[in-house]
Amino acid sequence: MEVVVTDTAGNISEPAMVKIMVTDVNENPLPEPVTPPKAKKSSGSFGWLALLAAPLAFIRRRKVK
């Protein structure tokens, strides 16, 4: 496209070639799917209780002998 500009004083510019390039942009993209966070795996309170009670069981058995 050729462009010529005129200002408020009436001055006219030299003609200039202008190239316009258009890029298709999706202005309303679909929202990204939300995935729920993965649940943490835990050994549970029974596992911790067993680990804490095991040494006490061995000590008690020694005293019985």
N, C-alpha and C. Protein backbone atom coordinates (compact mmCIF):
# COMPACT_ATOMS: atom_id res chain seq x y z
N MET A 1 0.86 -1.15 0.00
CA MET A 1 0.00 0.00 0.00
C MET A 1 0.92 1.23 0.00
N GLU A 2 0.52 2.25 -0.71
CA GLU A 2 1.28 3.50 -0.73
C GLU A 2 0.56 4.52 0.13
N VAL A 3 1.32 5.24 1.00
CA VAL A 3 0.73 6.18 1.96
C VAL A 3 1.34 7.56 1.76
N VAL A 4 0.47 8.58 1.79
CA VAL A 4 0.90 9.97 1.76
C VAL A 4 0.23 10.67 2.94
N VAL A 5 1.01 11.49 3.68
CA VAL A 5 0.50 12.14 4.89
C VAL A 5 0.46 13.65 4.68
N THR A 6 -0.66 14.25 5.16
CA THR A 6 -0.80 15.71 5.13
C THR A 6 -0.99 16.20 6.56
N ASP A 7 -0.20 17.25 6.97
CA ASP A 7 -0.35 17.78 8.33
C ASP A 7 -1.31 18.95 8.34
N THR A 8 -1.51 19.56 9.51
CA THR A 8 -2.50 20.65 9.65
C THR A 8 -2.10 21.91 8.87
N ALA A 9 -0.80 22.06 8.57
CA ALA A 9 -0.35 23.23 7.81
C ALA A 9 -0.49 23.02 6.31
N GLY A 10 -0.90 21.81 5.90
CA GLY A 10 -1.08 21.53 4.48
C GLY A 10 0.14 20.93 3.81
N ASN A 11 1.19 20.63 4.58
CA ASN A 11 2.39 20.02 4.01
C ASN A 11 2.10 18.56 3.67
N ILE A 12 2.58 18.14 2.49
CA ILE A 12 2.35 16.77 2.03
C ILE A 12 3.68 16.03 2.04
N SER A 13 3.65 14.81 2.57
CA SER A 13 4.88 14.01 2.65
C SER A 13 5.14 13.29 1.33
N GLU A 14 6.32 12.73 1.22
CA GLU A 14 6.67 11.89 0.08
C GLU A 14 5.85 10.60 0.19
N PRO A 15 5.45 9.98 -0.89
CA PRO A 15 4.76 8.69 -0.83
C PRO A 15 5.68 7.62 -0.24
N ALA A 16 5.13 6.76 0.59
CA ALA A 16 5.89 5.66 1.20
C ALA A 16 5.12 4.38 1.03
N MET A 17 5.85 3.29 0.79
CA MET A 17 5.22 1.98 0.67
C MET A 17 5.11 1.37 2.07
N VAL A 18 3.94 0.87 2.39
CA VAL A 18 3.69 0.25 3.69
C VAL A 18 3.18 -1.16 3.45
N LYS A 19 3.79 -2.12 4.16
CA LYS A 19 3.37 -3.51 4.07
C LYS A 19 2.67 -3.88 5.38
N ILE A 20 1.46 -4.38 5.29
CA ILE A 20 0.68 -4.77 6.48
C ILE A 20 0.59 -6.29 6.50
N MET A 21 0.99 -6.87 7.64
CA MET A 21 0.91 -8.32 7.82
C MET A 21 -0.05 -8.60 8.96
N VAL A 22 -0.95 -9.55 8.74
CA VAL A 22 -1.98 -9.88 9.73
C VAL A 22 -1.73 -11.29 10.24
N THR A 23 -1.79 -11.43 11.58
CA THR A 23 -1.64 -12.74 12.22
C THR A 23 -2.95 -13.08 12.91
N ASP A 24 -3.45 -14.28 12.65
CA ASP A 24 -4.69 -14.73 13.29
C ASP A 24 -4.40 -15.07 14.75
N VAL A 25 -5.09 -14.40 15.68
CA VAL A 25 -4.91 -14.61 17.11
C VAL A 25 -6.24 -15.02 17.71
N ASN A 26 -6.24 -16.10 18.47
CA ASN A 26 -7.45 -16.56 19.14
C ASN A 26 -7.64 -15.70 20.40
N GLU A 27 -8.60 -14.79 20.37
CA GLU A 27 -8.81 -13.87 21.49
C GLU A 27 -9.63 -14.49 22.61
N ASN A 28 -10.32 -15.59 22.34
CA ASN A 28 -11.13 -16.25 23.36
C ASN A 28 -10.74 -17.73 23.47
N PRO A 29 -9.52 -18.02 23.94
CA PRO A 29 -9.11 -19.41 24.02
C PRO A 29 -9.87 -20.14 25.12
N LEU A 30 -9.99 -21.45 24.96
CA LEU A 30 -10.63 -22.25 26.00
C LEU A 30 -9.74 -22.29 27.23
N PRO A 31 -10.33 -22.26 28.42
CA PRO A 31 -9.48 -22.32 29.62
C PRO A 31 -8.79 -23.67 29.73
N GLU A 32 -7.59 -23.65 30.31
CA GLU A 32 -6.84 -24.89 30.51
C GLU A 32 -7.57 -25.73 31.55
N PRO A 33 -7.64 -27.04 31.35
CA PRO A 33 -8.30 -27.89 32.34
C PRO A 33 -7.52 -27.88 33.66
N VAL A 34 -8.25 -27.84 34.75
CA VAL A 34 -7.63 -27.82 36.07
C VAL A 34 -7.61 -29.24 36.61
N THR A 35 -6.41 -29.71 36.94
CA THR A 35 -6.29 -31.05 37.49
C THR A 35 -6.14 -30.93 39.00
N PRO A 36 -6.87 -31.74 39.76
CA PRO A 36 -6.76 -31.66 41.21
C PRO A 36 -5.38 -32.14 41.67
N PRO A 37 -4.87 -31.59 42.76
CA PRO A 37 -3.56 -32.03 43.24
C PRO A 37 -3.63 -33.48 43.72
N LYS A 38 -2.52 -34.18 43.54
CA LYS A 38 -2.47 -35.58 43.96
C LYS A 38 -2.39 -35.64 45.48
N ALA A 39 -3.11 -36.61 46.04
CA ALA A 39 -3.10 -36.79 47.50
C ALA A 39 -1.76 -37.38 47.93
N LYS A 40 -1.26 -36.91 49.06
CA LYS A 40 -0.02 -37.44 49.60
C LYS A 40 -0.27 -38.82 50.18
N LYS A 41 0.68 -39.70 49.95
CA LYS A 41 0.59 -41.02 50.54
C LYS A 41 1.27 -40.96 51.91
N SER A 42 0.59 -41.43 52.92
CA SER A 42 1.19 -41.45 54.25
C SER A 42 1.06 -42.85 54.83
N SER A 43 1.95 -43.19 55.75
CA SER A 43 1.90 -44.50 56.37
C SER A 43 0.81 -44.56 57.44
N GLY A 44 0.26 -43.41 57.80
CA GLY A 44 -0.82 -43.38 58.76
C GLY A 44 -0.32 -43.40 60.19
N SER A 45 -1.21 -43.15 61.10
CA SER A 45 -0.82 -43.10 62.51
C SER A 45 -0.50 -44.48 63.06
N PHE A 46 -1.12 -45.54 62.51
CA PHE A 46 -0.83 -46.88 63.00
C PHE A 46 0.63 -47.27 62.72
N GLY A 47 1.14 -46.88 61.58
CA GLY A 47 2.53 -47.18 61.25
C GLY A 47 3.49 -46.51 62.21
N TRP A 48 3.24 -45.25 62.52
CA TRP A 48 4.10 -44.53 63.47
C TRP A 48 3.98 -45.12 64.87
N LEU A 49 2.81 -45.49 65.26
CA LEU A 49 2.61 -46.10 66.58
C LEU A 49 3.37 -47.41 66.68
N ALA A 50 3.34 -48.21 65.62
CA ALA A 50 4.06 -49.49 65.62
C ALA A 50 5.56 -49.26 65.72
N LEU A 51 6.08 -48.24 65.02
CA LEU A 51 7.52 -47.95 65.09
C LEU A 51 7.93 -47.48 66.48
N LEU A 52 7.07 -46.73 67.15
CA LEU A 52 7.40 -46.23 68.49
C LEU A 52 7.24 -47.32 69.54
N ALA A 53 6.30 -48.22 69.37
CA ALA A 53 6.01 -49.24 70.39
C ALA A 53 6.93 -50.45 70.27
N ALA A 54 7.53 -50.70 69.12
CA ALA A 54 8.36 -51.89 68.92
C ALA A 54 9.53 -51.96 69.91
N PRO A 55 10.31 -50.89 70.11
CA PRO A 55 11.42 -50.99 71.08
C PRO A 55 10.91 -51.27 72.50
N LEU A 56 9.77 -50.73 72.86
CA LEU A 56 9.23 -50.97 74.21
C LEU A 56 8.86 -52.43 74.40
N ALA A 57 8.37 -53.07 73.36
CA ALA A 57 8.01 -54.48 73.45
C ALA A 57 9.24 -55.34 73.67
N PHE A 58 10.36 -55.03 73.01
CA PHE A 58 11.58 -55.81 73.20
C PHE A 58 12.15 -55.62 74.60
N ILE A 59 12.10 -54.40 75.14
CA ILE A 59 12.61 -54.13 76.49
C ILE A 59 11.76 -54.90 77.50
N ARG A 60 10.47 -54.94 77.36
CA ARG A 60 9.59 -55.62 78.29
C ARG A 60 9.85 -57.13 78.28
N ARG A 61 10.12 -57.70 77.12
CA ARG A 61 10.40 -59.13 77.03
C ARG A 61 11.68 -59.48 77.74
N ARG A 62 12.68 -58.61 77.70
CA ARG A 62 13.95 -58.88 78.38
C ARG A 62 13.76 -58.93 79.89
N LYS A 63 12.92 -58.03 80.42
CA LYS A 63 12.72 -58.00 81.86
C LYS A 63 11.97 -59.23 82.35
N VAL A 64 11.14 -59.81 81.55
CA VAL A 64 10.34 -60.98 81.94
C VAL A 64 11.24 -62.19 82.11
N LYS A 65 12.29 -62.34 81.35
CA LYS A 65 13.17 -63.52 81.42
C LYS A 65 13.80 -63.63 82.72
